[in-house]
C-alpha atoms as a PDB file:
ATOM      1  CA  MET A   1      86.629  78.106  81.339  1.00  0.00           C
ATOM      2  CA  PRO A   2      90.042  79.683  82.055  1.00  0.00           C
ATOM      3  CA  ASN A   3      91.130  82.771  80.175  1.00  0.00           C
ATOM      4  CA  LYS A   4      93.505  81.508  77.537  1.00  0.00           C
ATOM      5  CA  ILE A   5      96.918  83.088  76.972  1.00  0.00           C
ATOM      6  CA  LYS A   6      99.628  82.303  74.478  1.00  0.00           C
ATOM      7  CA  ILE A   7     103.198  82.983  75.414  1.00  0.00           C
ATOM      8  CA  ALA A   8     105.026  85.041  72.858  1.00  0.00           C
ATOM      9  CA  THR A   9     107.886  83.470  70.957  1.00  0.00           C
ATOM     10  CA  GLU A  10     111.402  84.849  71.313  1.00  0.00           C
ATOM     11  CA  GLY A  11     110.971  86.475  67.903  1.00  0.00           C
ATOM     12  CA  GLU A  12     107.758  88.140  69.006  1.00  0.00           C
ATOM     13  CA  LEU A  13     109.344  89.291  72.245  1.00  0.00           C
ATOM     14  CA  LYS A  14     112.161  90.880  70.253  1.00  0.00           C
ATOM     15  CA  ILE A  15     109.550  92.843  68.230  1.00  0.00           C
ATOM     16  CA  ILE A  16     107.779  93.820  71.488  1.00  0.00           C
ATOM     17  CA  CYS A  17     111.086  95.123  72.863  1.00  0.00           C
ATOM     18  CA  GLU A  18     111.540  97.263  69.755  1.00  0.00           C
ATOM     19  CA  LYS A  19     108.011  98.638  70.138  1.00  0.00           C
ATOM     20  CA  GLU A  20     108.647  99.321  73.831  1.00  0.00           C
ATOM     21  CA  LYS A  21     111.397 101.785  72.847  1.00  0.00           C
ATOM     22  CA  GLN A  22     108.750 103.855  71.030  1.00  0.00           C
ATOM     23  CA  ALA A  23     106.067 103.253  73.688  1.00  0.00           C
ATOM     24  CA  ASN A  24     106.886 106.128  76.021  1.00  0.00           C
ATOM     25  CA  GLU A  25     106.722 108.631  73.199  1.00  0.00           C
ATOM     26  CA  ASN A  26     103.427 107.128  72.024  1.00  0.00           C
ATOM     27  CA  PHE A  27     101.990 107.354  75.521  1.00  0.00           C
ATOM     28  CA  GLY A  28     102.990 111.031  75.651  1.00  0.00           C
ATOM     29  CA  PHE A  29     101.408 111.818  72.256  1.00  0.00           C
ATOM     30  CA  ALA A  30      98.168 110.165  73.203  1.00  0.00           C
ATOM     31  CA  LEU A  31      97.936 111.851  76.622  1.00  0.00           C
ATOM     32  CA  LYS A  32      98.764 115.186  74.966  1.00  0.00           C
ATOM     33  CA  TRP A  33      95.871 114.678  72.541  1.00  0.00           C
ATOM     34  CA  ILE A  34      93.471 113.871  75.443  1.00  0.00           C
ATOM     35  CA  TYR A  35      94.711 116.880  77.471  1.00  0.00           C
ATOM     36  CA  LYS A  36      94.167 119.179  74.508  1.00  0.00           C
ATOM     37  CA  SER A  37      90.785 117.730  73.537  1.00  0.00           C
ATOM     38  CA  GLN A  38      89.339 117.985  77.028  1.00  0.00           C
ATOM     39  CA  GLY A  39      91.274 120.977  78.349  1.00  0.00           C
ATOM     40  CA  TRP A  40      93.380 119.275  80.982  1.00  0.00           C
ATOM     41  CA  LYS A  41      96.510 120.698  82.708  1.00  0.00           C
ATOM     42  CA  GLY A  42      98.356 119.368  85.697  1.00  0.00           C
ATOM     43  CA  GLU A  43      96.878 121.872  88.083  1.00  0.00           C
ATOM     44  CA  LYS A  44      93.350 121.003  87.010  1.00  0.00           C
ATOM     45  CA  ILE A  45      93.984 117.250  87.285  1.00  0.00           C
ATOM     46  CA  CYS A  46      95.361 117.737  90.823  1.00  0.00           C
ATOM     47  CA  LYS A  47      92.012 119.133  91.908  1.00  0.00           C
ATOM     48  CA  ARG A  48      90.383 115.813  91.055  1.00  0.00           C
ATOM     49  CA  ILE A  49      93.188 113.274  91.678  1.00  0.00           C
ATOM     50  CA  HIS A  50      95.167 113.777  94.854  1.00  0.00           C
ATOM     51  CA  GLY A  51      98.645 112.320  95.184  1.00  0.00           C
ATOM     52  CA  TYR A  52     100.844 113.710  92.368  1.00  0.00           C
ATOM     53  CA  LYS A  53     102.131 117.230  91.769  1.00  0.00           C
ATOM     54  CA  ALA A  54     100.879 119.268  88.819  1.00  0.00           C
ATOM     55  CA  LYS A  55     104.333 119.232  87.209  1.00  0.00           C
ATOM     56  CA  THR A  56     104.234 115.393  87.135  1.00  0.00           C
ATOM     57  CA  TRP A  57     100.894 115.367  85.293  1.00  0.00           C
ATOM     58  CA  ASP A  58     102.184 118.034  82.881  1.00  0.00           C
ATOM     59  CA  ALA A  59     105.313 115.912  82.212  1.00  0.00           C
ATOM     60  CA  TYR A  60     103.230 112.788  81.584  1.00  0.00           C
ATOM     61  CA  ALA A  61     101.676 114.470  78.510  1.00  0.00           C
ATOM     62  CA  GLN A  62     105.041 115.283  76.942  1.00  0.00           C
ATOM     63  CA  PRO A  63     106.222 112.827  74.291  1.00  0.00           C
ATOM     64  CA  SER A  64     109.810 113.753  75.244  1.00  0.00           C
ATOM     65  CA  HIS A  65     109.276 112.537  78.850  1.00  0.00           C
ATOM     66  CA  THR A  66     111.932 109.893  79.352  1.00  0.00           C
ATOM     67  CA  LYS A  67     111.005 108.598  82.775  1.00  0.00           C
ATOM     68  CA  SER A  68     108.379 105.865  83.161  1.00  0.00           C
ATOM     69  CA  ARG A  69     104.756 106.715  83.844  1.00  0.00           C
ATOM     70  CA  SER A  70     103.073 104.783  86.645  1.00  0.00           C
ATOM     71  CA  LEU A  71     100.342 102.443  85.440  1.00  0.00           C
ATOM     72  CA  HIS A  72      97.910 103.236  88.265  1.00  0.00           C
ATOM     73  CA  ALA A  73      98.232 107.054  87.857  1.00  0.00           C
ATOM     74  CA  VAL A  74      97.621 106.891  84.115  1.00  0.00           C
ATOM     75  CA  ALA A  75      94.712 104.536  84.786  1.00  0.00           C
ATOM     76  CA  ALA A  76      93.206 107.082  87.211  1.00  0.00           C
ATOM     77  CA  PHE A  77      93.540 109.860  84.628  1.00  0.00           C
ATOM     78  CA  CYS A  78      91.868 107.626  81.962  1.00  0.00           C
ATOM     79  CA  TRP A  79      89.041 107.176  84.443  1.00  0.00           C
ATOM     80  CA  LEU A  80      88.780 110.925  84.864  1.00  0.00           C
ATOM     81  CA  SER A  81      88.830 111.520  81.103  1.00  0.00           C
ATOM     82  CA  GLN A  82      86.720 108.422  80.300  1.00  0.00           C
ATOM     83  CA  ILE A  83      89.092 107.518  77.458  1.00  0.00           C
ATOM     84  CA  SER A  84      90.082 103.880  77.201  1.00  0.00           C
ATOM     85  CA  MET A  85      93.696 103.074  78.183  1.00  0.00           C
ATOM     86  CA  SER A  86      93.956 101.079  74.962  1.00  0.00           C
ATOM     87  CA  ALA A  87      94.044 104.357  73.059  1.00  0.00           C
ATOM     88  CA  LEU A  88      97.438 105.135  74.620  1.00  0.00           C
ATOM     89  CA  TYR A  89      99.146 102.382  72.594  1.00  0.00           C
ATOM     90  CA  TYR A  90      98.425 104.241  69.344  1.00  0.00           C
ATOM     91  CA  GLY A  91     100.161 107.515  70.225  1.00  0.00           C
ATOM     92  CA  ALA A  92      99.357 110.380  67.896  1.00  0.00           C
ATOM     93  CA  GLN A  93      97.165 107.988  65.854  1.00  0.00           C
ATOM     94  CA  LEU A  94      94.996 107.043  68.821  1.00  0.00           C
ATOM     95  CA  GLU A  95      91.869 107.238  66.639  1.00  0.00           C
ATOM     96  CA  GLN A  96      93.030 103.873  65.231  1.00  0.00           C
ATOM     97  CA  LEU A  97      91.485 102.357  68.373  1.00  0.00           C
ATOM     98  CA  TRP A  98      88.147 103.131  66.794  1.00  0.00           C
ATOM     99  CA  LEU A  99      88.703 101.568  63.336  1.00  0.00           C
ATOM    100  CA  GLY A 100      86.391 103.065  60.747  1.00  0.00           C
ATOM    101  CA  PHE A 101      85.872 106.253  62.779  1.00  0.00           C
ATOM    102  CA  ASP A 102      87.219 109.512  61.380  1.00  0.00           C
ATOM    103  CA  THR A 103      88.974 112.095  63.535  1.00  0.00           C
ATOM    104  CA  GLU A 104      85.883 114.230  64.067  1.00  0.00           C
ATOM    105  CA  LEU A 105      83.904 111.245  65.285  1.00  0.00           C
ATOM    106  CA  VAL A 106      86.688 110.356  67.707  1.00  0.00           C
ATOM    107  CA  ARG A 107      86.622 113.959  69.041  1.00  0.00           C
ATOM    108  CA  ILE A 108      82.884 113.669  69.633  1.00  0.00           C
ATOM    109  CA  ILE A 109      83.546 110.475  71.586  1.00  0.00           C
ATOM    110  CA  ALA A 110      86.199 112.238  73.676  1.00  0.00           C
ATOM    111  CA  TYR A 111      83.794 115.074  74.487  1.00  0.00           C
ATOM    112  CA  SER A 112      80.691 112.995  75.142  1.00  0.00           C
ATOM    113  CA  ASN A 113      82.309 110.193  77.133  1.00  0.00           C
ATOM    114  CA  ALA A 114      83.325 112.618  79.851  1.00  0.00           C
ATOM    115  CA  LEU A 115      79.722 113.612  80.523  1.00  0.00           C
ATOM    116  CA  THR A 116      77.356 112.555  83.320  1.00  0.00           C
ATOM    117  CA  LYS A 117      74.546 110.150  82.529  1.00  0.00           C
ATOM    118  CA  GLY A 118      71.968 112.979  82.312  1.00  0.00           C
ATOM    119  CA  GLN A 119      74.194 115.221  80.167  1.00  0.00           C
ATOM    120  CA  PHE A 120      74.983 112.417  77.761  1.00  0.00           C
ATOM    121  CA  GLU A 121      71.351 111.475  77.342  1.00  0.00           C
ATOM    122  CA  SER A 122      70.443 115.138  76.723  1.00  0.00           C
ATOM    123  CA  LEU A 123      73.216 115.438  74.135  1.00  0.00           C
ATOM    124  CA  ILE A 124      71.972 112.355  72.335  1.00  0.00           C
ATOM    125  CA  GLN A 125      68.468 113.797  72.347  1.00  0.00           C
ATOM    126  CA  LEU A 126      69.824 116.962  70.743  1.00  0.00           C
ATOM    127  CA  PHE A 127      71.637 114.877  68.137  1.00  0.00           C
ATOM    128  CA  ARG A 128      68.447 112.986  67.280  1.00  0.00           C
ATOM    129  CA  GLU A 129      66.387 116.153  66.953  1.00  0.00           C
ATOM    130  CA  LYS A 130      68.921 117.746  64.614  1.00  0.00           C
ATOM    131  CA  ILE A 131      69.550 114.757  62.324  1.00  0.00           C
ATOM    132  CA  LYS A 132      67.144 115.135  59.414  1.00  0.00           C
ATOM    133  CA  SER A 133      66.553 111.477  58.698  1.00  0.00           C
ATOM    134  CA  LEU A 134      67.001 108.497  61.001  1.00  0.00           C
ATOM    135  CA  ASP A 135      65.582 105.169  59.955  1.00  0.00           C
ATOM    136  CA  ASN A 136      63.592 103.119  62.403  1.00  0.00           C
ATOM    137  CA  ASP A 137      66.248 100.434  62.672  1.00  0.00           C
ATOM    138  CA  VAL A 138      68.881 102.930  63.927  1.00  0.00           C
ATOM    139  CA  ASN A 139      66.417 104.519  66.338  1.00  0.00           C
ATOM    140  CA  LYS A 140      65.585 101.050  67.759  1.00  0.00           C
ATOM    141  CA  LYS A 141      69.250 100.171  68.218  1.00  0.00           C
ATOM    142  CA  VAL A 142      69.966 103.506  69.930  1.00  0.00           C
ATOM    143  CA  ASP A 143      66.961 103.014  72.262  1.00  0.00           C
ATOM    144  CA  ASP A 144      68.184  99.550  73.160  1.00  0.00           C
ATOM    145  CA  LEU A 145      71.667 100.824  73.986  1.00  0.00           C
ATOM    146  CA  LEU A 146      70.279 103.741  76.019  1.00  0.00           C
ATOM    147  CA  GLU A 147      68.213 101.215  77.968  1.00  0.00           C
ATOM    148  CA  LYS A 148      71.378  99.366  78.883  1.00  0.00           C
ATOM    149  CA  LEU A 149      73.003 102.616  79.976  1.00  0.00           C
ATOM    150  CA  HIS A 150      70.123 103.269  82.368  1.00  0.00           C
ATOM    151  CA  GLU A 151      71.634 100.530  84.574  1.00  0.00           C
ATOM    152  CA  TYR A 152      74.635 102.777  85.240  1.00  0.00           C
ATOM    153  CA  PRO A 153      73.972 105.949  87.243  1.00  0.00           C
ATOM    154  CA  ASP A 154      76.909 108.321  87.645  1.00  0.00           C
ATOM    155  CA  GLU A 155      78.190 106.753  90.866  1.00  0.00           C
ATOM    156  CA  LYS A 156      78.606 103.388  89.151  1.00  0.00           C
ATOM    157  CA  PHE A 157      81.050 104.503  86.475  1.00  0.00           C
ATOM    158  CA  LEU A 158      82.274 108.105  86.923  1.00  0.00           C
ATOM    159  CA  ILE A 159      85.367 108.911  88.951  1.00  0.00           C
ATOM    160  CA  PRO A 160      84.610 110.390  92.412  1.00  0.00           C
ATOM    161  CA  ASP A 161      84.754 114.190  92.769  1.00  0.00           C
ATOM    162  CA  THR A 162      88.171 113.674  94.355  1.00  0.00           C
ATOM    163  CA  LEU A 163      90.235 110.501  94.185  1.00  0.00           C
ATOM    164  CA  ASN A 164      92.957 109.522  96.619  1.00  0.00           C
ATOM    165  CA  LEU A 165      95.625 108.053  94.360  1.00  0.00           C
ATOM    166  CA  ASP A 166      97.131 105.837  97.093  1.00  0.00           C
ATOM    167  CA  SER A 167      93.811 104.217  97.886  1.00  0.00           C
ATOM    168  CA  PHE A 168      93.132 103.737  94.185  1.00  0.00           C
ATOM    169  CA  LYS A 169      96.600 102.211  93.743  1.00  0.00           C
ATOM    170  CA  ARG A 170      96.010  99.564  96.432  1.00  0.00           C
ATOM    171  CA  ASP A 171      92.681  98.521  94.935  1.00  0.00           C
ATOM    172  CA  TYR A 172      94.001  98.607  91.376  1.00  0.00           C
ATOM    173  CA  TYR A 173      97.203  96.608  91.919  1.00  0.00           C
ATOM    174  CA  GLY A 174      95.368  94.282  94.340  1.00  0.00           C
ATOM    175  CA  SER A 175      92.981  93.216  91.584  1.00  0.00           C
ATOM    176  CA  ILE A 176      95.800  92.902  89.002  1.00  0.00           C
ATOM    177  CA  GLY A 177      97.849  90.761  91.359  1.00  0.00           C
ATOM    178  CA  TYR A 178      94.980  88.386  92.115  1.00  0.00           C
ATOM    179  CA  LYS A 179      93.909  88.014  88.486  1.00  0.00           C
ATOM    180  CA  LEU A 180      97.484  87.745  87.214  1.00  0.00           C
ATOM    181  CA  LYS A 181      98.159  84.806  89.534  1.00  0.00           C
ATOM    182  CA  GLU A 182      94.851  83.237  88.583  1.00  0.00           C
ATOM    183  CA  LEU A 183      95.677  83.631  84.895  1.00  0.00           C
ATOM    184  CA  ARG A 184      99.172  82.102  85.365  1.00  0.00           C
ATOM    185  CA  VAL A 185      97.869  79.106  87.381  1.00  0.00           C
ATOM    186  CA  GLU A 186      94.963  78.387  85.086  1.00  0.00           C
ATOM    187  CA  ASN A 187      97.277  78.323  82.093  1.00  0.00           C
ATOM    188  CA  LYS A 188     100.010  76.394  83.929  1.00  0.00           C
ATOM    189  CA  VAL A 189     102.722  78.977  83.256  1.00  0.00           C
ATOM    190  CA  ALA A 190     105.804  79.158  85.493  1.00  0.00           C
ATOM    191  CA  THR A 191     106.590  82.414  87.310  1.00  0.00           C
ATOM    192  CA  GLU A 192     109.970  82.422  85.501  1.00  0.00           C
ATOM    193  CA  VAL A 193     108.248  82.447  82.140  1.00  0.00           C
ATOM    194  CA  MET A 194     105.852  85.244  83.172  1.00  0.00           C
ATOM    195  CA  ALA A 195     108.797  87.274  84.464  1.00  0.00           C
ATOM    196  CA  HIS A 196     110.733  86.706  81.191  1.00  0.00           C
ATOM    197  CA  VAL A 197     107.785  87.789  79.021  1.00  0.00           C
ATOM    198  CA  ILE A 198     107.066  90.895  81.030  1.00  0.00           C
ATOM    199  CA  GLY A 199     110.818  91.724  81.206  1.00  0.00           C
ATOM    200  CA  VAL A 200     111.352  91.798  84.987  1.00  0.00           C
ATOM    201  CA  SER A 201     113.147  89.696  87.563  1.00  0.00           C
ATOM    202  CA  VAL A 202     111.338  86.727  89.118  1.00  0.00           C
ATOM    203  CA  GLY A 203     111.305  88.515  92.450  1.00  0.00           C
ATOM    204  CA  ARG A 204     109.737  91.589  90.991  1.00  0.00           C
ATOM    205  CA  TYR A 205     107.130  89.591  89.138  1.00  0.00           C
ATOM    206  CA  VAL A 206     106.209  87.764  92.374  1.00  0.00           C
ATOM    207  CA  SER A 207     105.665  91.204  93.934  1.00  0.00           C
ATOM    208  CA  PHE A 208     103.145  91.949  91.212  1.00  0.00           C
ATOM    209  CA  GLU A 209     101.124  88.927  92.207  1.00  0.00           C
ATOM    210  CA  SER A 210     101.299  89.917  95.910  1.00  0.00           C
ATOM    211  CA  PRO A 211     101.364  93.732  95.825  1.00  0.00           C
ATOM    212  CA  ASP A 212     101.958  95.995  98.784  1.00  0.00           C
ATOM    213  CA  ASP A 213     102.290  99.741  99.253  1.00  0.00           C
ATOM    214  CA  SER A 214     105.720  99.739  97.599  1.00  0.00           C
ATOM    215  CA  THR A 215     104.565  98.092  94.446  1.00  0.00           C
ATOM    216  CA  TYR A 216     105.006 100.182  91.292  1.00  0.00           C
ATOM    217  CA  ILE A 217     104.224  99.044  87.744  1.00  0.00           C
ATOM    218  CA  PRO A 218     105.366 101.253  84.899  1.00  0.00           C
ATOM    219  CA  LEU A 219     102.926 101.783  82.046  1.00  0.00           C
ATOM    220  CA  ASN A 220     105.190 100.148  79.429  1.00  0.00           C
ATOM    221  CA  LEU A 221     104.922  96.768  81.295  1.00  0.00           C
ATOM    222  CA  ALA A 222     101.187  96.782  80.640  1.00  0.00           C
ATOM    223  CA  MET A 223     102.040  96.718  76.952  1.00  0.00           C
ATOM    224  CA  ARG A 224     104.369  93.726  77.444  1.00  0.00           C
ATOM    225  CA  LEU A 225     101.648  91.946  79.375  1.00  0.00           C
ATOM    226  CA  LYS A 226      99.005  92.544  76.707  1.00  0.00           C
ATOM    227  CA  PHE A 227     101.136  91.600  73.723  1.00  0.00           C
ATOM    228  CA  GLY A 228     103.602  89.151  75.363  1.00  0.00           C
ATOM    229  CA  LEU A 229     100.725  86.932  76.544  1.00  0.00           C
ATOM    230  CA  HIS A 230      98.453  87.596  73.508  1.00  0.00           C
ATOM    231  CA  TYR A 231      95.927  88.646  76.124  1.00  0.00           C
ATOM    232  CA  ASP A 232      93.414  91.117  74.737  1.00  0.00           C
ATOM    233  CA  ASN A 233      90.916  91.012  77.651  1.00  0.00           C
ATOM    234  CA  THR A 234      93.164  92.984  80.011  1.00  0.00           C
ATOM    235  CA  THR A 235      90.116  94.761  81.485  1.00  0.00           C
ATOM    236  CA  GLU A 236      89.318  91.542  83.253  1.00  0.00           C
ATOM    237  CA  LEU A 237      92.469  91.979  85.308  1.00  0.00           C
ATOM    238  CA  LEU A 238      90.513  94.754  87.130  1.00  0.00           C
ATOM    239  CA  SER A 239      87.408  92.722  87.866  1.00  0.00           C
ATOM    240  CA  ARG A 240      88.444  92.215  91.523  1.00  0.00           C
ATOM    241  CA  MET A 241      88.416  95.918  92.278  1.00  0.00           C
ATOM    242  CA  SER A 242      86.023  96.611  95.106  1.00  0.00           C
ATOM    243  CA  GLU A 243      86.529 100.110  96.562  1.00  0.00           C
ATOM    244  CA  PHE A 244      86.725 101.684  93.099  1.00  0.00           C
ATOM    245  CA  ARG A 245      84.462  99.341  91.227  1.00  0.00           C
ATOM    246  CA  GLY A 246      83.348 102.175  88.957  1.00  0.00           C
ATOM    247  CA  PHE A 247      86.732 102.146  87.192  1.00  0.00           C
ATOM    248  CA  TYR A 248      86.165  98.562  86.029  1.00  0.00           C
ATOM    249  CA  GLN A 249      82.570  99.324  84.928  1.00  0.00           C
ATOM    250  CA  ALA A 250      83.472 102.572  83.148  1.00  0.00           C
ATOM    251  CA  ARG A 251      84.866 100.787  80.114  1.00  0.00           C
ATOM    252  CA  TYR A 252      81.515  99.034  79.471  1.00  0.00           C
ATOM    253  CA  VAL A 253      79.733 102.384  79.657  1.00  0.00           C
ATOM    254  CA  GLN A 254      82.268 103.936  77.273  1.00  0.00           C
ATOM    255  CA  GLN A 255      81.701 101.128  74.755  1.00  0.00           C
ATOM    256  CA  LEU A 256      77.936 101.605  74.865  1.00  0.00           C
ATOM    257  CA  ARG A 257      78.287 105.347  74.376  1.00  0.00           C
ATOM    258  CA  GLU A 258      80.724 104.909  71.524  1.00  0.00           C
ATOM    259  CA  SER A 259      78.264 102.576  69.782  1.00  0.00           C
ATOM    260  CA  ILE A 260      75.450 105.118  70.180  1.00  0.00           C
ATOM    261  CA  VAL A 261      77.543 107.977  68.754  1.00  0.00           C
ATOM    262  CA  SER A 262      78.683 105.798  65.830  1.00  0.00           C
ATOM    263  CA  LEU A 263      75.121 104.705  65.020  1.00  0.00           C
ATOM    264  CA  LEU A 264      73.821 108.265  65.016  1.00  0.00           C
ATOM    265  CA  LEU A 265      76.673 110.146  63.402  1.00  0.00           C
ATOM    266  CA  GLY A 266      78.866 107.627  61.574  1.00  0.00           C
ATOM    267  CA  LYS A 267      77.328 108.124  58.154  1.00  0.00           C
ATOM    268  CA  LEU A 268      76.995 111.928  58.291  1.00  0.00           C
ATOM    269  CA  SER A 269      79.114 114.217  56.137  1.00  0.00           C
ATOM    270  CA  LEU A 270      82.212 115.855  57.645  1.00  0.00           C
ATOM    271  CA  SER A 271      80.523 119.249  57.676  1.00  0.00           C
ATOM    272  CA  GLU A 272      77.628 117.804  59.684  1.00  0.00           C
ATOM    273  CA  LYS A 273      79.955 116.016  62.073  1.00  0.00           C
ATOM    274  CA  LEU A 274      81.771 119.304  62.719  1.00  0.00           C
ATOM    275  CA  ILE A 275      78.521 120.895  63.847  1.00  0.00           C
ATOM    276  CA  PHE A 276      77.775 118.012  66.239  1.00  0.00           C
ATOM    277  CA  SER A 277      81.417 118.028  67.413  1.00  0.00           C
ATOM    278  CA  ASN A 278      81.146 121.710  68.392  1.00  0.00           C
ATOM    279  CA  LEU A 279      77.895 120.983  70.178  1.00  0.00           C
ATOM    280  CA  ALA A 280      79.402 118.073  72.158  1.00  0.00           C
ATOM    281  CA  LYS A 281      82.484 120.139  73.010  1.00  0.00           C
ATOM    282  CA  ASN A 282      80.376 122.997  74.393  1.00  0.00           C
ATOM    283  CA  VAL A 283      78.368 120.557  76.567  1.00  0.00           C
ATOM    284  CA  MET A 284      81.643 119.086  77.862  1.00  0.00           C
ATOM    285  CA  ILE A 285      83.051 122.555  78.653  1.00  0.00           C
ATOM    286  CA  PHE A 286      79.896 123.345  80.573  1.00  0.00           C
ATOM    287  CA  HIS A 287      80.183 120.048  82.434  1.00  0.00           C
ATOM    288  CA  PHE A 288      83.724 120.676  83.602  1.00  0.00           C
ATOM    289  CA  LYS A 289      82.932 124.280  84.609  1.00  0.00           C
ATOM    290  CA  GLN A 290      80.315 122.951  87.017  1.00  0.00           C
ATOM    291  CA  MET A 291      82.970 120.964  88.929  1.00  0.00           C
END
């Protein structure tokens, strides 16, 4: 079965254009939140992701940054931080990605998602030991989710110790190009229509389907693709990644971890969540100091 898309109406595209004007500021606010939560600065990011200068990474986390942010670079940072790229659309209210989660629970997710497999499992064990009452149903669900996580050792979902951004870019845009063409052909959409929806020339859109080393996609176009095509399953555009397969698989691991944290801590009081939040933060700080 082909992945179904629905081309936005002209009225919807007009609304998307209005949202796009606010998008760069939203991206900056969200990145600023992630930087602050996990302790990132440009110089620190450069030690893990090679290809951009520290001042570029610092500028990316400024809401006032007027230049476009490259899609592949932000994707690489989201892999490093283990925060879903979908969170970037919400700006300063990025916790809205996790509907029903309060701010403290979102912070715990930000801290714990960055951890290795062993560290995360140890943190969850600490949570379970400190929670006074857990019913059998919750324990069973947590055990089932942890069993699924066992299929993903660190090398299957964590970013490498150092990532070459140019190599990542080729694999990333190569997958997007292949899947974008597949999506268009399966849904019998003309290249001119795709170009109109995304807001680029036909020639530039064609280059997205057949990327080379000069290909550059700004982050805001990812928003137009997602909403202009009513295509929620954008992660599938990355399913053809081969060299950096872990980036594609990371989102599944994140979702499993988020479900575990929600099951264990979702119904606790704010004061209790603050205790667990501090614990998770300290484990994350220890993790990053070991790198």
